[in-house]
Amino acid sequence: MPGKKGLSLEQKRSRMLDFFYETEDVFPLKTVEKRCAKEKGITSMAIKDVLQSLVDDGLVHGEKIGTSNYYWAFPSEGANIKKSLQHNLDQALSSRQDTPKRAKLLSTLENKQQEEAAIDQALKEFADCDPDMLAQRGKSPLMLHLRPPIVGQNYPIRTLIFPADNVFAIRTWCQRKFSIDLKILDKQFGIPEELDYIE
């Protein structure tokens, strides 16, 4: 049976805020801990942190009276906070000016997004050469040079032969250094038998 998934911080905050809005009362910390754990399903270990985050954001009020801490939040305050935030946002958007600096930054952003799209497209063209993809298909990454060049792109023949040169050089060095049979070496390192230079 799969384990029960816990609540995220936002879910806990929302549930605790609902608790205050539904009850419309003032509570000491102990009561908040007991009732939120019982009624809203918030773990008792997290209640203090969630409550403090709501107090820090101004969504719940907290006061120390004598030796006890009391907390409250009323629905009308939530609506007022929302209206205030919306007003501030509208004011900020209306006062934003199109300065040359902003226009330049927007232009740069658009250029970077186009570059990113071009790079993503190039990556898609080379996806069949990705070692992870080749491993999934059961092909060796060493066979990359055997793939025909992408149409429309000019590759020097040296670029296509270079991986084979390296493989053959390492094979020869290992054979001389360790007196090992090439077939065993190829098998151990997954070098395909059909590996050869492009003619």
N, C-alpha and C. Protein backbone atom coordinates (compact mmCIF):
# COMPACT_ATOMS: atom_id res chain seq x y z
N MET A 1 0.85 -1.17 0.00
CA MET A 1 0.00 0.00 0.00
C MET A 1 0.90 1.23 0.00
N PRO A 2 0.73 2.17 -0.95
CA PRO A 2 1.61 3.32 -1.01
C PRO A 2 1.40 4.23 0.20
N GLY A 3 2.48 4.91 0.62
CA GLY A 3 2.42 5.80 1.76
C GLY A 3 1.61 7.05 1.44
N LYS A 4 1.08 7.68 2.47
CA LYS A 4 0.28 8.88 2.30
C LYS A 4 1.20 10.06 2.02
N LYS A 5 0.88 10.80 0.98
CA LYS A 5 1.71 11.94 0.60
C LYS A 5 1.36 13.12 1.49
N GLY A 6 2.38 13.83 2.00
CA GLY A 6 2.17 14.98 2.86
C GLY A 6 1.75 16.22 2.07
N LEU A 7 1.32 17.22 2.80
CA LEU A 7 0.89 18.48 2.19
C LEU A 7 2.09 19.36 1.88
N SER A 8 1.98 20.13 0.82
CA SER A 8 3.03 21.10 0.51
C SER A 8 2.86 22.31 1.42
N LEU A 9 3.87 23.16 1.47
CA LEU A 9 3.82 24.35 2.32
C LEU A 9 2.65 25.25 1.92
N GLU A 10 2.42 25.41 0.62
CA GLU A 10 1.32 26.26 0.16
C GLU A 10 -0.03 25.68 0.58
N GLN A 11 -0.17 24.37 0.52
CA GLN A 11 -1.43 23.74 0.95
C GLN A 11 -1.64 23.95 2.44
N LYS A 12 -0.59 23.82 3.22
CA LYS A 12 -0.69 24.04 4.67
C LYS A 12 -1.06 25.48 4.97
N ARG A 13 -0.42 26.41 4.26
CA ARG A 13 -0.73 27.83 4.48
C ARG A 13 -2.20 28.11 4.12
N SER A 14 -2.65 27.58 3.02
CA SER A 14 -4.02 27.80 2.58
C SER A 14 -5.02 27.22 3.58
N ARG A 15 -4.76 26.02 4.07
CA ARG A 15 -5.66 25.38 5.03
C ARG A 15 -5.69 26.15 6.35
N MET A 16 -4.52 26.61 6.81
CA MET A 16 -4.50 27.35 8.06
C MET A 16 -5.22 28.68 7.91
N LEU A 17 -5.03 29.35 6.79
CA LEU A 17 -5.72 30.62 6.55
C LEU A 17 -7.24 30.38 6.49
N ASP A 18 -7.65 29.29 5.86
CA ASP A 18 -9.08 28.93 5.83
C ASP A 18 -9.61 28.71 7.25
N PHE A 19 -8.80 28.08 8.09
CA PHE A 19 -9.20 27.86 9.48
C PHE A 19 -9.53 29.18 10.16
N PHE A 20 -8.66 30.17 10.00
CA PHE A 20 -8.90 31.47 10.63
C PHE A 20 -10.12 32.17 10.02
N TYR A 21 -10.27 32.10 8.70
CA TYR A 21 -11.39 32.76 8.03
C TYR A 21 -12.73 32.11 8.40
N GLU A 22 -12.74 30.78 8.54
CA GLU A 22 -13.98 30.08 8.87
C GLU A 22 -14.41 30.33 10.31
N THR A 23 -13.46 30.37 11.22
CA THR A 23 -13.81 30.51 12.64
C THR A 23 -14.03 31.96 13.04
N GLU A 24 -13.37 32.90 12.40
CA GLU A 24 -13.48 34.34 12.71
C GLU A 24 -13.36 34.59 14.21
N ASP A 25 -12.28 34.08 14.78
CA ASP A 25 -12.07 34.22 16.21
C ASP A 25 -10.58 34.40 16.50
N VAL A 26 -10.26 34.71 17.75
CA VAL A 26 -8.88 34.89 18.19
C VAL A 26 -8.50 33.65 19.00
N PHE A 27 -7.30 33.10 18.72
CA PHE A 27 -6.90 31.85 19.37
C PHE A 27 -5.50 31.96 19.94
N PRO A 28 -5.28 31.31 21.11
CA PRO A 28 -3.90 31.17 21.59
C PRO A 28 -3.18 30.10 20.75
N LEU A 29 -1.86 30.11 20.81
CA LEU A 29 -1.05 29.20 20.00
C LEU A 29 -1.43 27.74 20.22
N LYS A 30 -1.64 27.34 21.48
CA LYS A 30 -1.96 25.92 21.77
C LYS A 30 -3.25 25.50 21.07
N THR A 31 -4.24 26.38 21.05
CA THR A 31 -5.52 26.05 20.41
C THR A 31 -5.34 25.94 18.90
N VAL A 32 -4.55 26.86 18.32
CA VAL A 32 -4.29 26.81 16.89
C VAL A 32 -3.61 25.48 16.54
N GLU A 33 -2.64 25.08 17.35
CA GLU A 33 -1.93 23.82 17.09
C GLU A 33 -2.88 22.62 17.15
N LYS A 34 -3.73 22.57 18.18
CA LYS A 34 -4.63 21.42 18.32
C LYS A 34 -5.67 21.38 17.21
N ARG A 35 -6.32 22.53 16.96
CA ARG A 35 -7.44 22.53 16.02
C ARG A 35 -6.98 22.39 14.57
N CYS A 36 -5.87 23.00 14.22
CA CYS A 36 -5.37 22.86 12.84
C CYS A 36 -4.92 21.44 12.57
N ALA A 37 -4.33 20.80 13.57
CA ALA A 37 -3.90 19.40 13.40
C ALA A 37 -5.13 18.50 13.23
N LYS A 38 -6.16 18.77 14.03
CA LYS A 38 -7.35 17.91 14.01
C LYS A 38 -8.26 18.21 12.83
N GLU A 39 -8.56 19.49 12.59
CA GLU A 39 -9.55 19.86 11.58
C GLU A 39 -8.97 19.99 10.18
N LYS A 40 -7.73 20.42 10.06
CA LYS A 40 -7.16 20.71 8.73
C LYS A 40 -6.09 19.73 8.30
N GLY A 41 -5.71 18.80 9.18
CA GLY A 41 -4.77 17.76 8.79
C GLY A 41 -3.33 18.23 8.63
N ILE A 42 -2.99 19.33 9.30
CA ILE A 42 -1.61 19.83 9.25
C ILE A 42 -0.84 19.18 10.38
N THR A 43 0.33 18.66 10.09
CA THR A 43 1.11 17.99 11.15
C THR A 43 1.51 19.00 12.22
N SER A 44 1.47 18.55 13.46
CA SER A 44 1.75 19.45 14.58
C SER A 44 3.18 19.99 14.54
N MET A 45 4.09 19.25 13.92
CA MET A 45 5.49 19.71 13.83
C MET A 45 5.62 20.94 12.93
N ALA A 46 4.73 21.06 11.94
CA ALA A 46 4.84 22.14 10.95
C ALA A 46 3.99 23.35 11.28
N ILE A 47 3.10 23.24 12.23
CA ILE A 47 2.13 24.32 12.48
C ILE A 47 2.81 25.63 12.85
N LYS A 48 3.80 25.60 13.72
CA LYS A 48 4.45 26.85 14.14
C LYS A 48 5.13 27.53 12.95
N ASP A 49 5.81 26.77 12.10
CA ASP A 49 6.49 27.35 10.94
C ASP A 49 5.49 27.95 9.95
N VAL A 50 4.40 27.22 9.71
CA VAL A 50 3.38 27.71 8.78
C VAL A 50 2.74 28.97 9.33
N LEU A 51 2.40 28.95 10.61
CA LEU A 51 1.79 30.11 11.25
C LEU A 51 2.72 31.32 11.20
N GLN A 52 4.00 31.10 11.47
CA GLN A 52 4.96 32.20 11.43
C GLN A 52 5.10 32.77 10.02
N SER A 53 5.05 31.90 9.01
CA SER A 53 5.15 32.40 7.63
C SER A 53 3.93 33.24 7.27
N LEU A 54 2.75 32.87 7.77
CA LEU A 54 1.55 33.67 7.52
C LEU A 54 1.62 35.01 8.25
N VAL A 55 2.17 35.00 9.46
CA VAL A 55 2.34 36.25 10.21
C VAL A 55 3.35 37.15 9.50
N ASP A 56 4.45 36.56 9.02
CA ASP A 56 5.48 37.34 8.33
C ASP A 56 4.93 37.99 7.06
N ASP A 57 4.01 37.30 6.37
CA ASP A 57 3.42 37.83 5.14
C ASP A 57 2.27 38.79 5.41
N GLY A 58 1.88 38.95 6.67
CA GLY A 58 0.82 39.88 7.02
C GLY A 58 -0.58 39.33 6.79
N LEU A 59 -0.70 38.04 6.58
CA LEU A 59 -2.01 37.44 6.35
C LEU A 59 -2.70 37.06 7.65
N VAL A 60 -1.93 36.82 8.70
CA VAL A 60 -2.45 36.52 10.03
C VAL A 60 -1.79 37.48 11.01
N HIS A 61 -2.59 37.97 11.96
CA HIS A 61 -2.04 38.87 12.98
C HIS A 61 -1.66 38.06 14.21
N GLY A 62 -0.61 38.48 14.88
CA GLY A 62 -0.18 37.82 16.09
C GLY A 62 0.23 38.84 17.13
N GLU A 63 -0.18 38.62 18.39
CA GLU A 63 0.17 39.50 19.49
C GLU A 63 0.52 38.67 20.71
N LYS A 64 1.49 39.18 21.46
CA LYS A 64 1.82 38.53 22.73
C LYS A 64 1.08 39.31 23.81
N ILE A 65 0.20 38.61 24.51
CA ILE A 65 -0.58 39.21 25.59
C ILE A 65 -0.25 38.43 26.85
N GLY A 66 0.43 39.08 27.75
CA GLY A 66 0.89 38.39 28.96
C GLY A 66 1.95 37.37 28.58
N THR A 67 1.69 36.12 28.92
CA THR A 67 2.65 35.06 28.59
C THR A 67 2.22 34.24 27.38
N SER A 68 1.06 34.57 26.79
CA SER A 68 0.53 33.79 25.67
C SER A 68 0.58 34.58 24.37
N ASN A 69 0.69 33.85 23.28
CA ASN A 69 0.63 34.44 21.94
C ASN A 69 -0.75 34.16 21.37
N TYR A 70 -1.39 35.20 20.83
CA TYR A 70 -2.72 35.06 20.24
C TYR A 70 -2.64 35.41 18.76
N TYR A 71 -3.44 34.66 17.96
CA TYR A 71 -3.41 34.83 16.51
C TYR A 71 -4.84 34.95 15.98
N TRP A 72 -5.02 35.76 14.92
CA TRP A 72 -6.32 35.92 14.30
C TRP A 72 -6.17 36.44 12.88
N ALA A 73 -7.20 36.17 12.08
CA ALA A 73 -7.30 36.71 10.72
C ALA A 73 -8.78 36.66 10.35
N PHE A 74 -9.26 37.73 9.73
CA PHE A 74 -10.67 37.80 9.36
C PHE A 74 -10.78 37.89 7.85
N PRO A 75 -11.85 37.32 7.28
CA PRO A 75 -12.00 37.28 5.81
C PRO A 75 -11.96 38.67 5.17
N SER A 76 -12.52 39.67 5.84
CA SER A 76 -12.52 41.02 5.26
C SER A 76 -11.10 41.55 5.09
N GLU A 77 -10.20 41.17 6.00
CA GLU A 77 -8.81 41.60 5.88
C GLU A 77 -8.16 40.97 4.66
N GLY A 78 -8.49 39.70 4.40
CA GLY A 78 -7.94 39.03 3.23
C GLY A 78 -8.37 39.70 1.94
N ALA A 79 -9.63 40.10 1.89
CA ALA A 79 -10.13 40.79 0.70
C ALA A 79 -9.44 42.15 0.54
N ASN A 80 -9.25 42.84 1.65
CA ASN A 80 -8.57 44.15 1.60
C ASN A 80 -7.13 44.01 1.14
N ILE A 81 -6.44 42.98 1.62
CA ILE A 81 -5.05 42.75 1.21
C ILE A 81 -4.99 42.46 -0.28
N LYS A 82 -5.93 41.65 -0.76
CA LYS A 82 -5.96 41.30 -2.19
C LYS A 82 -6.21 42.54 -3.04
N LYS A 83 -7.16 43.40 -2.61
CA LYS A 83 -7.44 44.64 -3.34
C LYS A 83 -6.22 45.54 -3.35
N SER A 84 -5.55 45.64 -2.22
CA SER A 84 -4.36 46.49 -2.11
C SER A 84 -3.25 46.00 -3.04
N LEU A 85 -3.03 44.69 -3.05
CA LEU A 85 -1.99 44.14 -3.92
C LEU A 85 -2.34 44.34 -5.39
N GLN A 86 -3.62 44.16 -5.75
CA GLN A 86 -4.05 44.37 -7.13
C GLN A 86 -3.87 45.83 -7.53
N HIS A 87 -4.21 46.74 -6.62
CA HIS A 87 -4.05 48.17 -6.89
C HIS A 87 -2.57 48.51 -7.11
N ASN A 88 -1.71 47.98 -6.24
CA ASN A 88 -0.27 48.23 -6.39
C ASN A 88 0.26 47.68 -7.72
N LEU A 89 -0.22 46.51 -8.11
CA LEU A 89 0.21 45.91 -9.37
C LEU A 89 -0.26 46.75 -10.55
N ASP A 90 -1.53 47.16 -10.54
CA ASP A 90 -2.05 48.00 -11.62
C ASP A 90 -1.29 49.32 -11.72
N GLN A 91 -0.99 49.89 -10.58
CA GLN A 91 -0.25 51.16 -10.55
C GLN A 91 1.16 50.98 -11.11
N ALA A 92 1.80 49.89 -10.75
CA ALA A 92 3.16 49.64 -11.24
C ALA A 92 3.16 49.42 -12.75
N LEU A 93 2.15 48.68 -13.25
CA LEU A 93 2.08 48.43 -14.69
C LEU A 93 1.77 49.70 -15.47
N SER A 94 0.91 50.55 -14.92
CA SER A 94 0.56 51.78 -15.64
C SER A 94 1.70 52.80 -15.61
N SER A 95 2.52 52.77 -14.58
CA SER A 95 3.62 53.75 -14.49
C SER A 95 4.88 53.30 -15.20
N ARG A 96 4.88 52.08 -15.72
CA ARG A 96 6.07 51.58 -16.40
C ARG A 96 6.24 52.32 -17.73
N GLN A 97 7.42 52.82 -17.95
CA GLN A 97 7.69 53.60 -19.15
C GLN A 97 8.58 52.80 -20.10
N ASP A 98 8.35 53.03 -21.39
CA ASP A 98 9.19 52.39 -22.40
C ASP A 98 10.44 53.23 -22.61
N THR A 99 11.46 52.92 -21.85
CA THR A 99 12.72 53.64 -21.96
C THR A 99 13.60 52.94 -22.99
N PRO A 100 14.60 53.65 -23.50
CA PRO A 100 15.51 53.00 -24.46
C PRO A 100 16.22 51.78 -23.86
N LYS A 101 16.52 51.86 -22.58
CA LYS A 101 17.18 50.73 -21.92
C LYS A 101 16.26 49.50 -21.92
N ARG A 102 14.99 49.72 -21.59
CA ARG A 102 14.02 48.62 -21.57
C ARG A 102 13.83 48.04 -22.97
N ALA A 103 13.74 48.93 -23.97
CA ALA A 103 13.58 48.47 -25.35
C ALA A 103 14.78 47.62 -25.78
N LYS A 104 15.96 48.06 -25.38
CA LYS A 104 17.18 47.32 -25.73
C LYS A 104 17.18 45.94 -25.04
N LEU A 105 16.77 45.91 -23.77
CA LEU A 105 16.72 44.64 -23.04
C LEU A 105 15.68 43.70 -23.65
N LEU A 106 14.53 44.24 -24.04
CA LEU A 106 13.52 43.40 -24.68
C LEU A 106 14.01 42.84 -26.01
N SER A 107 14.74 43.68 -26.76
CA SER A 107 15.31 43.24 -28.03
C SER A 107 16.34 42.13 -27.81
N THR A 108 17.19 42.32 -26.80
CA THR A 108 18.18 41.30 -26.46
C THR A 108 17.50 40.00 -26.05
N LEU A 109 16.44 40.12 -25.25
CA LEU A 109 15.70 38.93 -24.82
C LEU A 109 15.13 38.18 -26.02
N GLU A 110 14.55 38.91 -26.95
CA GLU A 110 13.98 38.28 -28.13
C GLU A 110 15.06 37.58 -28.96
N ASN A 111 16.22 38.23 -29.11
CA ASN A 111 17.33 37.62 -29.85
C ASN A 111 17.80 36.34 -29.18
N LYS A 112 17.91 36.37 -27.85
CA LYS A 112 18.37 35.19 -27.11
C LYS A 112 17.36 34.05 -27.23
N GLN A 113 16.08 34.39 -27.23
CA GLN A 113 15.06 33.36 -27.38
C GLN A 113 15.13 32.73 -28.77
N GLN A 114 15.40 33.55 -29.80
CA GLN A 114 15.56 33.01 -31.15
C GLN A 114 16.80 32.12 -31.23
N GLU A 115 17.89 32.54 -30.59
CA GLU A 115 19.11 31.72 -30.57
C GLU A 115 18.84 30.38 -29.88
N GLU A 116 18.10 30.45 -28.77
CA GLU A 116 17.79 29.22 -28.04
C GLU A 116 16.95 28.28 -28.91
N ALA A 117 15.99 28.84 -29.65
CA ALA A 117 15.16 28.02 -30.53
C ALA A 117 16.01 27.39 -31.63
N ALA A 118 16.97 28.15 -32.16
CA ALA A 118 17.86 27.61 -33.20
C ALA A 118 18.74 26.49 -32.64
N ILE A 119 19.23 26.68 -31.43
CA ILE A 119 20.07 25.65 -30.79
C ILE A 119 19.24 24.40 -30.51
N ASP A 120 18.01 24.59 -30.04
CA ASP A 120 17.14 23.43 -29.80
C ASP A 120 16.88 22.66 -31.10
N GLN A 121 16.69 23.39 -32.19
CA GLN A 121 16.47 22.75 -33.48
C GLN A 121 17.71 21.96 -33.91
N ALA A 122 18.90 22.56 -33.70
CA ALA A 122 20.14 21.86 -34.04
C ALA A 122 20.32 20.61 -33.19
N LEU A 123 19.96 20.69 -31.92
CA LEU A 123 20.05 19.52 -31.05
C LEU A 123 19.12 18.41 -31.53
N LYS A 124 17.95 18.78 -32.02
CA LYS A 124 17.03 17.77 -32.53
C LYS A 124 17.61 17.08 -33.76
N GLU A 125 18.35 17.84 -34.60
CA GLU A 125 18.96 17.24 -35.78
C GLU A 125 20.04 16.23 -35.41
N PHE A 126 20.72 16.48 -34.29
CA PHE A 126 21.80 15.59 -33.86
C PHE A 126 21.34 14.57 -32.81
N ALA A 127 20.04 14.47 -32.58
CA ALA A 127 19.54 13.57 -31.54
C ALA A 127 19.91 12.12 -31.82
N ASP A 128 20.02 11.76 -33.11
CA ASP A 128 20.36 10.37 -33.40
C ASP A 128 21.82 10.06 -33.09
N CYS A 129 22.62 11.05 -32.73
CA CYS A 129 24.02 10.84 -32.34
C CYS A 129 24.22 10.88 -30.83
N ASP A 130 23.17 11.11 -30.10
CA ASP A 130 23.27 11.20 -28.65
C ASP A 130 23.66 9.83 -28.09
N PRO A 131 24.73 9.75 -27.29
CA PRO A 131 25.17 8.45 -26.76
C PRO A 131 24.08 7.73 -25.97
N ASP A 132 23.25 8.48 -25.24
CA ASP A 132 22.18 7.84 -24.49
C ASP A 132 21.15 7.21 -25.42
N MET A 133 20.82 7.94 -26.48
CA MET A 133 19.86 7.41 -27.44
C MET A 133 20.43 6.18 -28.15
N LEU A 134 21.71 6.23 -28.49
CA LEU A 134 22.34 5.09 -29.15
C LEU A 134 22.38 3.87 -28.23
N ALA A 135 22.63 4.12 -26.95
CA ALA A 135 22.66 3.01 -26.00
C ALA A 135 21.28 2.37 -25.90
N GLN A 136 20.23 3.19 -25.94
CA GLN A 136 18.88 2.65 -25.89
C GLN A 136 18.57 1.80 -27.13
N ARG A 137 19.12 2.21 -28.25
CA ARG A 137 18.89 1.47 -29.50
C ARG A 137 19.83 0.28 -29.64
N GLY A 138 20.82 0.19 -28.75
CA GLY A 138 21.75 -0.92 -28.80
C GLY A 138 22.92 -0.69 -29.74
N LYS A 139 23.16 0.56 -30.12
CA LYS A 139 24.29 0.87 -31.00
C LYS A 139 25.42 1.46 -30.18
N SER A 140 26.61 1.29 -30.66
CA SER A 140 27.77 1.83 -29.98
C SER A 140 27.99 3.28 -30.40
N PRO A 141 28.32 4.17 -29.45
CA PRO A 141 28.63 5.55 -29.80
C PRO A 141 29.81 5.68 -30.75
N LEU A 142 30.63 4.62 -30.84
CA LEU A 142 31.78 4.68 -31.73
C LEU A 142 31.37 4.62 -33.19
N MET A 143 30.12 4.26 -33.46
CA MET A 143 29.67 4.16 -34.84
C MET A 143 29.17 5.51 -35.37
N LEU A 144 29.36 6.57 -34.61
CA LEU A 144 28.86 7.88 -35.01
C LEU A 144 29.40 8.30 -36.37
N HIS A 145 30.64 8.01 -36.61
CA HIS A 145 31.24 8.47 -37.86
C HIS A 145 30.67 7.75 -39.08
N LEU A 146 29.99 6.61 -38.84
CA LEU A 146 29.41 5.87 -39.96
C LEU A 146 28.11 6.50 -40.45
N ARG A 147 27.52 7.38 -39.62
CA ARG A 147 26.28 8.04 -40.01
C ARG A 147 26.58 9.03 -41.13
N PRO A 148 25.76 9.06 -42.18
CA PRO A 148 26.02 10.00 -43.26
C PRO A 148 25.85 11.43 -42.76
N PRO A 149 26.58 12.37 -43.33
CA PRO A 149 26.46 13.76 -42.89
C PRO A 149 25.05 14.28 -43.12
N ILE A 150 24.66 15.28 -42.32
CA ILE A 150 23.34 15.89 -42.46
C ILE A 150 23.31 16.65 -43.77
N VAL A 151 22.23 16.47 -44.50
CA VAL A 151 22.10 17.13 -45.80
C VAL A 151 22.09 18.64 -45.59
N GLY A 152 22.83 19.33 -46.45
CA GLY A 152 22.86 20.78 -46.38
C GLY A 152 23.99 21.33 -45.52
N GLN A 153 24.69 20.46 -44.80
CA GLN A 153 25.80 20.92 -43.98
C GLN A 153 27.08 20.30 -44.51
N ASN A 154 28.09 21.12 -44.62
CA ASN A 154 29.37 20.65 -45.15
C ASN A 154 30.31 20.31 -44.02
N TYR A 155 30.69 19.06 -43.94
CA TYR A 155 31.65 18.61 -42.94
C TYR A 155 32.93 18.22 -43.67
N PRO A 156 34.06 18.68 -43.18
CA PRO A 156 35.30 18.17 -43.77
C PRO A 156 35.40 16.67 -43.51
N ILE A 157 35.90 15.96 -44.46
CA ILE A 157 36.01 14.51 -44.32
C ILE A 157 36.87 14.15 -43.11
N ARG A 158 37.81 15.03 -42.76
CA ARG A 158 38.67 14.79 -41.59
C ARG A 158 37.83 14.74 -40.31
N THR A 159 36.79 15.56 -40.22
CA THR A 159 35.93 15.56 -39.04
C THR A 159 35.21 14.23 -38.89
N LEU A 160 34.87 13.61 -40.01
CA LEU A 160 34.16 12.34 -39.97
C LEU A 160 35.09 11.17 -39.68
N ILE A 161 36.35 11.28 -40.05
CA ILE A 161 37.30 10.19 -39.88
C ILE A 161 37.99 10.26 -38.51
N PHE A 162 38.02 11.44 -37.91
CA PHE A 162 38.77 11.66 -36.67
C PHE A 162 38.45 10.65 -35.57
N PRO A 163 37.16 10.33 -35.27
CA PRO A 163 36.90 9.34 -34.21
C PRO A 163 37.49 7.98 -34.54
N ALA A 164 37.44 7.57 -35.80
CA ALA A 164 38.00 6.27 -36.17
C ALA A 164 39.51 6.26 -35.98
N ASP A 165 40.17 7.37 -36.34
CA ASP A 165 41.61 7.48 -36.13
C ASP A 165 41.96 7.26 -34.66
N ASN A 166 41.22 7.92 -33.78
CA ASN A 166 41.49 7.80 -32.35
C ASN A 166 41.30 6.37 -31.86
N VAL A 167 40.24 5.74 -32.31
CA VAL A 167 39.95 4.38 -31.87
C VAL A 167 41.05 3.43 -32.35
N PHE A 168 41.42 3.55 -33.62
CA PHE A 168 42.46 2.66 -34.15
C PHE A 168 43.81 2.91 -33.47
N ALA A 169 44.11 4.16 -33.16
CA ALA A 169 45.38 4.47 -32.48
C ALA A 169 45.40 3.86 -31.08
N ILE A 170 44.31 3.97 -30.36
CA ILE A 170 44.25 3.41 -29.01
C ILE A 170 44.29 1.88 -29.06
N ARG A 171 43.60 1.28 -30.01
CA ARG A 171 43.62 -0.18 -30.15
C ARG A 171 45.05 -0.67 -30.40
N THR A 172 45.75 0.00 -31.32
CA THR A 172 47.12 -0.40 -31.64
C THR A 172 48.03 -0.24 -30.43
N TRP A 173 47.89 0.88 -29.71
CA TRP A 173 48.72 1.13 -28.54
C TRP A 173 48.48 0.06 -27.47
N CYS A 174 47.20 -0.28 -27.22
CA CYS A 174 46.87 -1.30 -26.22
C CYS A 174 47.41 -2.67 -26.63
N GLN A 175 47.35 -2.96 -27.94
CA GLN A 175 47.84 -4.25 -28.42
C GLN A 175 49.34 -4.36 -28.17
N ARG A 176 50.08 -3.29 -28.45
CA ARG A 176 51.54 -3.33 -28.26
C ARG A 176 51.91 -3.30 -26.79
N LYS A 177 51.23 -2.44 -26.02
CA LYS A 177 51.59 -2.24 -24.62
C LYS A 177 51.25 -3.46 -23.76
N PHE A 178 50.07 -4.06 -23.98
CA PHE A 178 49.60 -5.12 -23.11
C PHE A 178 49.58 -6.49 -23.77
N SER A 179 50.04 -6.59 -24.99
CA SER A 179 50.04 -7.86 -25.73
C SER A 179 48.67 -8.52 -25.68
N ILE A 180 47.67 -7.77 -26.09
CA ILE A 180 46.30 -8.26 -26.02
C ILE A 180 45.77 -8.47 -27.44
N ASP A 181 44.93 -9.47 -27.59
CA ASP A 181 44.31 -9.76 -28.89
C ASP A 181 43.27 -8.68 -29.20
N LEU A 182 43.24 -8.20 -30.44
CA LEU A 182 42.34 -7.12 -30.82
C LEU A 182 40.87 -7.52 -30.71
N LYS A 183 40.55 -8.78 -30.97
CA LYS A 183 39.16 -9.21 -30.87
C LYS A 183 38.68 -9.15 -29.42
N ILE A 184 39.53 -9.53 -28.50
CA ILE A 184 39.18 -9.46 -27.08
C ILE A 184 39.02 -8.00 -26.66
N LEU A 185 39.93 -7.16 -27.10
CA LEU A 185 39.87 -5.72 -26.79
C LEU A 185 38.58 -5.10 -27.33
N ASP A 186 38.26 -5.43 -28.58
CA ASP A 186 37.03 -4.89 -29.19
C ASP A 186 35.80 -5.34 -28.41
N LYS A 187 35.79 -6.59 -28.00
CA LYS A 187 34.65 -7.11 -27.26
C LYS A 187 34.52 -6.44 -25.89
N GLN A 188 35.66 -6.27 -25.21
CA GLN A 188 35.64 -5.67 -23.88
C GLN A 188 35.17 -4.22 -23.90
N PHE A 189 35.52 -3.47 -24.92
CA PHE A 189 35.20 -2.04 -24.98
C PHE A 189 34.04 -1.73 -25.92
N GLY A 190 33.39 -2.75 -26.44
CA GLY A 190 32.21 -2.53 -27.27
C GLY A 190 32.50 -1.88 -28.61
N ILE A 191 33.68 -2.14 -29.15
CA ILE A 191 34.03 -1.59 -30.45
C ILE A 191 33.44 -2.50 -31.52
N PRO A 192 32.58 -1.99 -32.37
CA PRO A 192 31.92 -2.85 -33.36
C PRO A 192 32.90 -3.38 -34.40
N GLU A 193 32.62 -4.57 -34.91
CA GLU A 193 33.49 -5.18 -35.92
C GLU A 193 33.47 -4.39 -37.22
N GLU A 194 32.32 -3.74 -37.53
CA GLU A 194 32.19 -3.04 -38.80
C GLU A 194 32.83 -1.63 -38.76
N LEU A 195 33.50 -1.28 -37.68
CA LEU A 195 34.14 0.03 -37.58
C LEU A 195 35.26 0.12 -38.64
N ASP A 196 35.15 1.13 -39.47
CA ASP A 196 36.14 1.29 -40.53
C ASP A 196 36.12 2.74 -40.99
N TYR A 197 37.12 3.11 -41.77
CA TYR A 197 37.18 4.46 -42.33
C TYR A 197 36.13 4.64 -43.41
N ILE A 198 35.69 5.89 -43.55
CA ILE A 198 34.78 6.22 -44.66
C ILE A 198 35.62 6.37 -45.91
N GLU A 199 35.21 5.71 -46.94
CA GLU A 199 35.95 5.76 -48.21
C GLU A 199 35.57 6.98 -49.00
